[in-house]
Every structure is written in C-alpha cells, then in structure tokens.
Amino acid sequence: MTSLSTGDPRLLGHWVSDPGHVATGDLVGRVAMEFRGDGTLLYTINEASKQSIIVLRWIASDEEIMTTQPSAPREERTRYRIAGDQLELTLGGVTTRFRRDHGP
C-alpha cells in the first residue's frame, strides 16, 4: 500500500471514533474510517440496526485532509493532528477524536 498520491502516510489504515471523547460520541457516534493508499476513504457509520458506508476520495497536505464524494462532488477540508495512535479532526471549530484500530 503506497501513499504517493495521498500525502501523509500516517493516516493510512483503520481509525475508530473514540467513545471516551464526549464531543465525538455526541457528534459522530460509532464511526470507522479506512484511509487507503489509493486515495479511497471508507467512512462507516455504525447504528444500532444498520451500517452505512460512504465512499470518499482523500488527499492530505499541510495538516489538512481534503475529501470529496464522487457521487456528489464537493470539496471538504478538515484540519487534522496525529499524536501516537490518536487522530484529531477539526471541522467548523469542533474537534472529534479517533484512535487507530489495530484489529482483533
């Protein structure tokens, strides 16, 4: 898996919303993200009775992730910071937190 087209290789892999971070739980609930080296981002929303997957395109530069949804093109820019296994995303002044998912 390469990251030549996506920017920051530290983003690659699986991230899950941090249930201990109040703002994250309130705003996004149970979410998983998979950043792939080919520029695909799978954004999975886990609800009690269903799972929804949104397929996005992503690229990172200057501590900012730019995403677009191919089915409804519109660029979205989100500030990010990585500290160890924690990923903080800030959009519209609100920060949500995710942790790297190393699997079972």
C-alpha atoms as a PDB file:
ATOM      1  CA  MET A   1       0.000   0.000   0.000  1.00  0.00           C
ATOM      2  CA  THR A   2       1.601   3.276  -1.081  1.00  0.00           C
ATOM      3  CA  SER A   3       0.699   6.815  -0.190  1.00  0.00           C
ATOM      4  CA  LEU A   4       2.287   8.657  -3.086  1.00  0.00           C
ATOM      5  CA  SER A   5      -0.998  10.146  -4.227  1.00  0.00           C
ATOM      6  CA  THR A   6      -2.497  10.838  -0.802  1.00  0.00           C
ATOM      7  CA  GLY A   7       0.093  12.787   1.141  1.00  0.00           C
ATOM      8  CA  ASP A   8       0.543  11.813   4.795  1.00  0.00           C
ATOM      9  CA  PRO A   9       1.200   8.042   5.154  1.00  0.00           C
ATOM     10  CA  ARG A  10       0.455   8.245   8.905  1.00  0.00           C
ATOM     11  CA  LEU A  11      -3.259   8.437   8.044  1.00  0.00           C
ATOM     12  CA  LEU A  12      -3.279   5.089   6.260  1.00  0.00           C
ATOM     13  CA  GLY A  13      -5.211   2.300   7.939  1.00  0.00           C
ATOM     14  CA  HIS A  14      -8.252   1.935  10.176  1.00  0.00           C
ATOM     15  CA  TRP A  15      -9.442   4.521  12.697  1.00  0.00           C
ATOM     16  CA  VAL A  16     -12.459   4.293  15.023  1.00  0.00           C
ATOM     17  CA  SER A  17     -14.277   7.048  16.891  1.00  0.00           C
ATOM     18  CA  ASP A  18     -13.128   7.471  20.479  1.00  0.00           C
ATOM     19  CA  PRO A  19     -16.103   6.656  22.718  1.00  0.00           C
ATOM     20  CA  GLY A  20     -14.411   8.363  25.671  1.00  0.00           C
ATOM     21  CA  HIS A  21     -14.343  11.730  23.897  1.00  0.00           C
ATOM     22  CA  VAL A  22     -17.725  13.351  24.600  1.00  0.00           C
ATOM     23  CA  ALA A  23     -17.872  15.613  21.526  1.00  0.00           C
ATOM     24  CA  THR A  24     -17.033  12.689  19.258  1.00  0.00           C
ATOM     25  CA  GLY A  25     -19.736  10.469  20.714  1.00  0.00           C
ATOM     26  CA  ASP A  26     -22.325  13.242  20.533  1.00  0.00           C
ATOM     27  CA  LEU A  27     -21.452  14.379  17.002  1.00  0.00           C
ATOM     28  CA  VAL A  28     -20.451  11.293  15.043  1.00  0.00           C
ATOM     29  CA  GLY A  29     -21.418   8.319  17.194  1.00  0.00           C
ATOM     30  CA  ARG A  30     -19.806   4.996  16.291  1.00  0.00           C
ATOM     31  CA  VAL A  31     -17.802   5.679  13.149  1.00  0.00           C
ATOM     32  CA  ALA A  32     -14.899   3.888  11.485  1.00  0.00           C
ATOM     33  CA  MET A  33     -12.649   5.280   8.778  1.00  0.00           C
ATOM     34  CA  GLU A  34     -10.282   3.423   6.499  1.00  0.00           C
ATOM     35  CA  PHE A  35      -7.763   5.591   4.692  1.00  0.00           C
ATOM     36  CA  ARG A  36      -6.352   3.689   1.733  1.00  0.00           C
ATOM     37  CA  GLY A  37      -3.171   4.456  -0.189  1.00  0.00           C
ATOM     38  CA  ASP A  38      -5.062   4.663  -3.489  1.00  0.00           C
ATOM     39  CA  GLY A  39      -6.924   7.762  -2.262  1.00  0.00           C
ATOM     40  CA  THR A  40     -10.090   5.959  -1.164  1.00  0.00           C
ATOM     41  CA  LEU A  41     -11.605   6.699   2.236  1.00  0.00           C
ATOM     42  CA  LEU A  42     -14.314   4.374   3.542  1.00  0.00           C
ATOM     43  CA  TYR A  43     -16.390   6.180   6.169  1.00  0.00           C
ATOM     44  CA  THR A  44     -18.564   3.654   8.020  1.00  0.00           C
ATOM     45  CA  ILE A  45     -21.425   4.751  10.276  1.00  0.00           C
ATOM     46  CA  ASN A  46     -22.492   2.044  12.729  1.00  0.00           C
ATOM     47  CA  GLU A  47     -26.011   2.418  14.029  1.00  0.00           C
ATOM     48  CA  ALA A  48     -27.956   0.018  16.229  1.00  0.00           C
ATOM     49  CA  SER A  49     -29.812  -1.621  13.355  1.00  0.00           C
ATOM     50  CA  LYS A  50     -27.701  -0.839  10.296  1.00  0.00           C
ATOM     51  CA  GLN A  51     -24.331   0.081   8.886  1.00  0.00           C
ATOM     52  CA  SER A  52     -23.852   2.776   6.231  1.00  0.00           C
ATOM     53  CA  ILE A  53     -20.677   3.154   4.193  1.00  0.00           C
ATOM     54  CA  ILE A  54     -19.766   6.366   2.398  1.00  0.00           C
ATOM     55  CA  VAL A  55     -17.005   6.132  -0.189  1.00  0.00           C
ATOM     56  CA  LEU A  56     -14.896   9.269  -0.425  1.00  0.00           C
ATOM     57  CA  ARG A  57     -11.688  10.362  -2.148  1.00  0.00           C
ATOM     58  CA  TRP A  58      -8.997  11.924   0.046  1.00  0.00           C
ATOM     59  CA  ILE A  59      -5.656  13.680  -0.043  1.00  0.00           C
ATOM     60  CA  ALA A  60      -3.712  15.318   2.789  1.00  0.00           C
ATOM     61  CA  SER A  61      -1.358  18.275   2.847  1.00  0.00           C
ATOM     62  CA  ASP A  62      -0.322  20.932   5.352  1.00  0.00           C
ATOM     63  CA  GLU A  63      -2.186  19.249   8.244  1.00  0.00           C
ATOM     64  CA  GLU A  64      -5.418  19.340   6.264  1.00  0.00           C
ATOM     65  CA  ILE A  65      -7.408  16.489   4.750  1.00  0.00           C
ATOM     66  CA  MET A  66      -9.351  17.314   1.617  1.00  0.00           C
ATOM     67  CA  THR A  67     -12.203  14.921   0.842  1.00  0.00           C
ATOM     68  CA  THR A  68     -14.759  14.718  -1.915  1.00  0.00           C
ATOM     69  CA  GLN A  69     -17.601  12.300  -2.527  1.00  0.00           C
ATOM     70  CA  PRO A  70     -17.579  11.151  -6.169  1.00  0.00           C
ATOM     71  CA  SER A  71     -21.382  10.776  -6.268  1.00  0.00           C
ATOM     72  CA  ALA A  72     -21.901  14.360  -5.028  1.00  0.00           C
ATOM     73  CA  PRO A  73     -18.680  16.268  -5.731  1.00  0.00           C
ATOM     74  CA  ARG A  74     -17.987  18.979  -3.185  1.00  0.00           C
ATOM     75  CA  GLU A  75     -14.628  19.563  -1.579  1.00  0.00           C
ATOM     76  CA  GLU A  76     -14.471  19.456   2.217  1.00  0.00           C
ATOM     77  CA  ARG A  77     -11.338  20.487   4.132  1.00  0.00           C
ATOM     78  CA  THR A  78     -10.688  19.242   7.665  1.00  0.00           C
ATOM     79  CA  ARG A  79      -7.727  20.112   9.890  1.00  0.00           C
ATOM     80  CA  TYR A  80      -6.051  17.117  11.485  1.00  0.00           C
ATOM     81  CA  ARG A  81      -3.431  16.247  14.068  1.00  0.00           C
ATOM     82  CA  ILE A  82      -1.925  12.864  14.845  1.00  0.00           C
ATOM     83  CA  ALA A  83      -0.385  12.088  18.232  1.00  0.00           C
ATOM     84  CA  GLY A  84       0.615   8.443  18.566  1.00  0.00           C
ATOM     85  CA  ASP A  85      -2.493   6.358  17.958  1.00  0.00           C
ATOM     86  CA  GLN A  86      -4.853   9.362  18.247  1.00  0.00           C
ATOM     87  CA  LEU A  87      -6.247  11.320  15.311  1.00  0.00           C
ATOM     88  CA  GLU A  88      -7.997  14.630  15.957  1.00  0.00           C
ATOM     89  CA  LEU A  89     -10.159  16.129  13.237  1.00  0.00           C
ATOM     90  CA  THR A  90     -11.322  19.743  13.428  1.00  0.00           C
ATOM     91  CA  LEU A  91     -14.103  20.996  11.192  1.00  0.00           C
ATOM     92  CA  GLY A  92     -16.058  24.199  11.781  1.00  0.00           C
ATOM     93  CA  GLY A  93     -14.289  24.751  15.104  1.00  0.00           C
ATOM     94  CA  VAL A  94     -15.393  21.379  16.503  1.00  0.00           C
ATOM     95  CA  THR A  95     -12.845  18.654  17.229  1.00  0.00           C
ATOM     96  CA  THR A  96     -13.587  14.944  17.120  1.00  0.00           C
ATOM     97  CA  ARG A  97     -11.146  12.219  18.137  1.00  0.00           C
ATOM     98  CA  PHE A  98     -10.390   8.814  16.663  1.00  0.00           C
ATOM     99  CA  ARG A  99      -7.988   6.062  17.671  1.00  0.00           C
ATOM    100  CA  ARG A 100      -6.045   3.738  15.416  1.00  0.00           C
ATOM    101  CA  ASP A 101      -7.711   0.330  15.193  1.00  0.00           C
ATOM    102  CA  HIS A 102      -5.075  -2.385  15.214  1.00  0.00           C
ATOM    103  CA  GLY A 103      -7.672  -5.110  14.717  1.00  0.00           C
ATOM    104  CA  PRO A 104      -8.624  -8.045  16.909  1.00  0.00           C
END
